[in-house]
Amino acid sequence: MHYARHSSDVVNMNTREKFARSACAVANTLDLVGDKWSLLVVRDLLYGKRTYGELAASPEHIPTNILAERLKRLEAAGIISAAAYQERPVRYAYTLTKKGRALGDVLLALVRWGRENIPGTVVLGETAAPDAAPPRAAVRRRRPGTTG
């Protein structure tokens, strides 16, 4: 492996691929899927969602402009593939590639870590344990002097 003086010039001598920051596997993986939405799209595809509408209806409510951009980015990275299932208007079904399915292990590690270290977290489709605190957004604040 050859390292140049500037991180943008780091080149993997085996593939002649340029890396944005370094040849670090963690850094390069984060460059592909390290934003707050990409792994959620992968999660939903692993759970069987296929269409833009299904992905947009996820509990995290990804903004549609960001969803469209992430789908393009994930397809360009070879993590998902898109196939038109309707011509007018054109609509696509999305599936994970082999490379994308391999991220399942990463998601399982995140699930394990989250359940062990963030009280009240659940796996998609599960409900919180009865003694778990409600999500912050679900807690209603009362005005002083009101009841119920």
C-alpha atoms as a PDB file:
ATOM      1  CA  MET A   1       0.000   0.000   0.000  1.00  0.00           C
ATOM      2  CA  HIS A   2       1.265   3.469  -0.863  1.00  0.00           C
ATOM      3  CA  TYR A   3       0.378   6.560   1.110  1.00  0.00           C
ATOM      4  CA  ALA A   4       0.787  10.033  -0.332  1.00  0.00           C
ATOM      5  CA  ARG A   5       1.249  13.256   1.609  1.00  0.00           C
ATOM      6  CA  HIS A   6      -2.326  14.452   1.110  1.00  0.00           C
ATOM      7  CA  SER A   7      -5.236  12.271   2.233  1.00  0.00           C
ATOM      8  CA  SER A   8      -7.085  12.867  -1.029  1.00  0.00           C
ATOM      9  CA  ASP A   9      -4.104  11.309  -2.820  1.00  0.00           C
ATOM     10  CA  VAL A  10      -4.093   8.039  -0.849  1.00  0.00           C
ATOM     11  CA  VAL A  11      -4.043   5.228  -3.388  1.00  0.00           C
ATOM     12  CA  ASN A  12      -4.521   1.516  -2.843  1.00  0.00           C
ATOM     13  CA  MET A  13      -1.727   0.006  -4.911  1.00  0.00           C
ATOM     14  CA  ASN A  14      -3.658  -3.277  -5.371  1.00  0.00           C
ATOM     15  CA  THR A  15      -6.645  -1.659  -7.101  1.00  0.00           C
ATOM     16  CA  ARG A  16      -5.416   1.862  -7.884  1.00  0.00           C
ATOM     17  CA  GLU A  17      -8.509   3.151  -6.067  1.00  0.00           C
ATOM     18  CA  LYS A  18      -8.365   6.621  -4.529  1.00  0.00           C
ATOM     19  CA  PHE A  19      -9.624   6.948  -0.972  1.00  0.00           C
ATOM     20  CA  ALA A  20     -11.188  10.160   0.273  1.00  0.00           C
ATOM     21  CA  ARG A  21      -9.389  10.236   3.630  1.00  0.00           C
ATOM     22  CA  SER A  22      -7.286   7.139   4.171  1.00  0.00           C
ATOM     23  CA  ALA A  23      -7.200   3.441   3.390  1.00  0.00           C
ATOM     24  CA  CYS A  24      -8.888   2.662   6.727  1.00  0.00           C
ATOM     25  CA  ALA A  25     -11.765   0.202   6.241  1.00  0.00           C
ATOM     26  CA  VAL A  26     -13.869   1.904   8.935  1.00  0.00           C
ATOM     27  CA  ALA A  27     -13.403   5.362   7.397  1.00  0.00           C
ATOM     28  CA  ASN A  28     -14.259   4.128   3.912  1.00  0.00           C
ATOM     29  CA  THR A  29     -17.309   2.198   5.100  1.00  0.00           C
ATOM     30  CA  LEU A  30     -18.525   5.291   6.943  1.00  0.00           C
ATOM     31  CA  ASP A  31     -18.026   7.304   3.759  1.00  0.00           C
ATOM     32  CA  LEU A  32     -20.510   4.950   2.058  1.00  0.00           C
ATOM     33  CA  VAL A  33     -23.103   4.297   4.767  1.00  0.00           C
ATOM     34  CA  GLY A  34     -22.154   6.389   7.789  1.00  0.00           C
ATOM     35  CA  ASP A  35     -24.828   9.065   7.502  1.00  0.00           C
ATOM     36  CA  LYS A  36     -27.936   8.878   9.669  1.00  0.00           C
ATOM     37  CA  TRP A  37     -30.196   7.414   6.939  1.00  0.00           C
ATOM     38  CA  SER A  38     -28.348   4.891   4.750  1.00  0.00           C
ATOM     39  CA  LEU A  39     -28.290   1.975   7.187  1.00  0.00           C
ATOM     40  CA  LEU A  40     -31.979   2.559   7.943  1.00  0.00           C
ATOM     41  CA  VAL A  41     -32.717   2.137   4.227  1.00  0.00           C
ATOM     42  CA  VAL A  42     -30.642  -1.064   4.241  1.00  0.00           C
ATOM     43  CA  ARG A  43     -32.526  -2.226   7.360  1.00  0.00           C
ATOM     44  CA  ASP A  44     -35.879  -1.665   5.663  1.00  0.00           C
ATOM     45  CA  LEU A  45     -34.786  -3.527   2.543  1.00  0.00           C
ATOM     46  CA  LEU A  46     -33.645  -6.425   4.738  1.00  0.00           C
ATOM     47  CA  TYR A  47     -37.130  -6.391   6.295  1.00  0.00           C
ATOM     48  CA  GLY A  48     -38.709  -6.757   2.849  1.00  0.00           C
ATOM     49  CA  LYS A  49     -39.615  -3.224   1.850  1.00  0.00           C
ATOM     50  CA  ARG A  50     -39.083  -2.706  -1.867  1.00  0.00           C
ATOM     51  CA  THR A  51     -40.701   0.501  -3.146  1.00  0.00           C
ATOM     52  CA  TYR A  52     -40.013   4.181  -2.618  1.00  0.00           C
ATOM     53  CA  GLY A  53     -43.388   4.539  -0.878  1.00  0.00           C
ATOM     54  CA  GLU A  54     -42.667   1.672   1.501  1.00  0.00           C
ATOM     55  CA  LEU A  55     -39.255   3.111   2.341  1.00  0.00           C
ATOM     56  CA  ALA A  56     -40.710   6.610   2.847  1.00  0.00           C
ATOM     57  CA  ALA A  57     -43.286   5.177   5.285  1.00  0.00           C
ATOM     58  CA  SER A  58     -40.618   3.993   7.743  1.00  0.00           C
ATOM     59  CA  PRO A  59     -41.069   5.035  11.378  1.00  0.00           C
ATOM     60  CA  GLU A  60     -38.156   7.499  11.181  1.00  0.00           C
ATOM     61  CA  HIS A  61     -39.917   9.511   8.425  1.00  0.00           C
ATOM     62  CA  ILE A  62     -36.919  10.120   6.171  1.00  0.00           C
ATOM     63  CA  PRO A  63     -37.518  13.291   4.126  1.00  0.00           C
ATOM     64  CA  THR A  64     -38.321  12.316   0.540  1.00  0.00           C
ATOM     65  CA  ASN A  65     -35.543  14.398  -1.011  1.00  0.00           C
ATOM     66  CA  ILE A  66     -32.986  12.690   1.249  1.00  0.00           C
ATOM     67  CA  LEU A  67     -34.462   9.248   0.529  1.00  0.00           C
ATOM     68  CA  ALA A  68     -34.120   9.829  -3.224  1.00  0.00           C
ATOM     69  CA  GLU A  69     -30.503  10.952  -2.794  1.00  0.00           C
ATOM     70  CA  ARG A  70     -29.601   8.002  -0.538  1.00  0.00           C
ATOM     71  CA  LEU A  71     -31.141   5.506  -2.971  1.00  0.00           C
ATOM     72  CA  LYS A  72     -29.017   6.955  -5.787  1.00  0.00           C
ATOM     73  CA  ARG A  73     -25.893   6.904  -3.609  1.00  0.00           C
ATOM     74  CA  LEU A  74     -26.471   3.321  -2.430  1.00  0.00           C
ATOM     75  CA  GLU A  75     -27.078   2.189  -6.007  1.00  0.00           C
ATOM     76  CA  ALA A  76     -23.913   3.925  -7.221  1.00  0.00           C
ATOM     77  CA  ALA A  77     -21.971   2.162  -4.433  1.00  0.00           C
ATOM     78  CA  GLY A  78     -23.322  -1.235  -5.519  1.00  0.00           C
ATOM     79  CA  ILE A  79     -25.221  -1.743  -2.252  1.00  0.00           C
ATOM     80  CA  ILE A  80     -28.688  -1.773  -3.830  1.00  0.00           C
ATOM     81  CA  SER A  81     -30.070  -2.284  -7.302  1.00  0.00           C
ATOM     82  CA  ALA A  82     -33.131  -0.666  -8.818  1.00  0.00           C
ATOM     83  CA  ALA A  83     -35.429  -2.230 -11.393  1.00  0.00           C
ATOM     84  CA  ALA A  84     -38.342  -0.426 -13.023  1.00  0.00           C
ATOM     85  CA  TYR A  85     -41.643  -2.161 -12.358  1.00  0.00           C
ATOM     86  CA  GLN A  86     -43.837   0.535 -13.941  1.00  0.00           C
ATOM     87  CA  GLU A  87     -43.197   2.724 -16.967  1.00  0.00           C
ATOM     88  CA  ARG A  88     -45.580   5.708 -16.701  1.00  0.00           C
ATOM     89  CA  PRO A  89     -44.666   7.145 -14.355  1.00  0.00           C
ATOM     90  CA  VAL A  90     -41.439   5.214 -13.922  1.00  0.00           C
ATOM     91  CA  ARG A  91     -41.358   3.497 -10.540  1.00  0.00           C
ATOM     92  CA  TYR A  92     -38.594   1.329  -9.181  1.00  0.00           C
ATOM     93  CA  ALA A  93     -38.329  -1.655  -6.889  1.00  0.00           C
ATOM     94  CA  TYR A  94     -35.155  -1.706  -4.812  1.00  0.00           C
ATOM     95  CA  THR A  95     -33.279  -4.780  -3.655  1.00  0.00           C
ATOM     96  CA  LEU A  96     -30.037  -5.345  -1.833  1.00  0.00           C
ATOM     97  CA  THR A  97     -27.080  -6.683  -3.755  1.00  0.00           C
ATOM     98  CA  LYS A  98     -24.753  -9.270  -2.235  1.00  0.00           C
ATOM     99  CA  LYS A  99     -22.658  -6.355  -0.984  1.00  0.00           C
ATOM    100  CA  GLY A 100     -25.761  -4.784   0.574  1.00  0.00           C
ATOM    101  CA  ARG A 101     -26.941  -8.012   2.214  1.00  0.00           C
ATOM    102  CA  ALA A 102     -23.496  -8.309   3.815  1.00  0.00           C
ATOM    103  CA  LEU A 103     -24.375  -5.174   5.832  1.00  0.00           C
ATOM    104  CA  GLY A 104     -26.883  -7.335   7.734  1.00  0.00           C
ATOM    105  CA  ASP A 105     -24.109  -8.383  10.109  1.00  0.00           C
ATOM    106  CA  VAL A 106     -23.278  -4.732  10.737  1.00  0.00           C
ATOM    107  CA  LEU A 107     -26.915  -4.003  11.551  1.00  0.00           C
ATOM    108  CA  LEU A 108     -27.097  -6.988  13.913  1.00  0.00           C
ATOM    109  CA  ALA A 109     -24.041  -5.653  15.747  1.00  0.00           C
ATOM    110  CA  LEU A 110     -25.733  -2.244  16.055  1.00  0.00           C
ATOM    111  CA  VAL A 111     -28.929  -3.873  17.340  1.00  0.00           C
ATOM    112  CA  ARG A 112     -26.966  -5.840  19.927  1.00  0.00           C
ATOM    113  CA  TRP A 113     -25.028  -2.767  21.046  1.00  0.00           C
ATOM    114  CA  GLY A 114     -28.146  -0.584  21.167  1.00  0.00           C
ATOM    115  CA  ARG A 115     -30.182  -3.073  23.203  1.00  0.00           C
ATOM    116  CA  GLU A 116     -27.302  -3.518  25.662  1.00  0.00           C
ATOM    117  CA  ASN A 117     -26.380   0.145  26.022  1.00  0.00           C
ATOM    118  CA  ILE A 118     -29.451   2.285  25.260  1.00  0.00           C
ATOM    119  CA  PRO A 119     -32.311   1.430  27.640  1.00  0.00           C
ATOM    120  CA  GLY A 120     -35.737   1.112  26.032  1.00  0.00           C
ATOM    121  CA  THR A 121     -34.530   0.475  22.485  1.00  0.00           C
ATOM    122  CA  VAL A 122     -36.192  -2.285  20.498  1.00  0.00           C
ATOM    123  CA  VAL A 123     -35.799  -4.090  17.212  1.00  0.00           C
ATOM    124  CA  LEU A 124     -38.069  -2.819  14.428  1.00  0.00           C
ATOM    125  CA  GLY A 125     -41.486  -4.398  14.897  1.00  0.00           C
ATOM    126  CA  GLU A 126     -41.066  -5.039  18.631  1.00  0.00           C
ATOM    127  CA  THR A 127     -42.786  -2.997  21.279  1.00  0.00           C
ATOM    128  CA  ALA A 128     -40.978  -1.506  24.234  1.00  0.00           C
ATOM    129  CA  ALA A 129     -40.925  -3.428  27.490  1.00  0.00           C
ATOM    130  CA  PRO A 130     -43.610  -2.294  29.975  1.00  0.00           C
ATOM    131  CA  ASP A 131     -41.020  -0.840  32.353  1.00  0.00           C
ATOM    132  CA  ALA A 132     -39.181   1.021  29.569  1.00  0.00           C
ATOM    133  CA  ALA A 133     -39.450   4.771  29.493  1.00  0.00           C
ATOM    134  CA  PRO A 134     -41.578   6.115  26.625  1.00  0.00           C
ATOM    135  CA  PRO A 135     -39.724   7.758  23.746  1.00  0.00           C
ATOM    136  CA  ARG A 136     -38.946  11.395  24.431  1.00  0.00           C
ATOM    137  CA  ALA A 137     -41.297  12.599  21.665  1.00  0.00           C
ATOM    138  CA  ALA A 138     -44.167  10.617  23.203  1.00  0.00           C
ATOM    139  CA  VAL A 139     -43.924  12.354  26.564  1.00  0.00           C
ATOM    140  CA  ARG A 140     -46.590  15.039  26.764  1.00  0.00           C
ATOM    141  CA  ARG A 141     -45.738  18.112  28.693  1.00  0.00           C
ATOM    142  CA  ARG A 142     -48.453  19.588  30.826  1.00  0.00           C
ATOM    143  CA  ARG A 143     -49.008  23.247  31.232  1.00  0.00           C
ATOM    144  CA  PRO A 144     -48.752  24.466  34.779  1.00  0.00           C
ATOM    145  CA  GLY A 145     -52.127  24.302  36.483  1.00  0.00           C
ATOM    146  CA  THR A 146     -53.668  21.720  34.108  1.00  0.00           C
ATOM    147  CA  THR A 147     -54.478  18.091  34.773  1.00  0.00           C
ATOM    148  CA  GLY A 148     -54.725  14.957  32.656  1.00  0.00           C
END
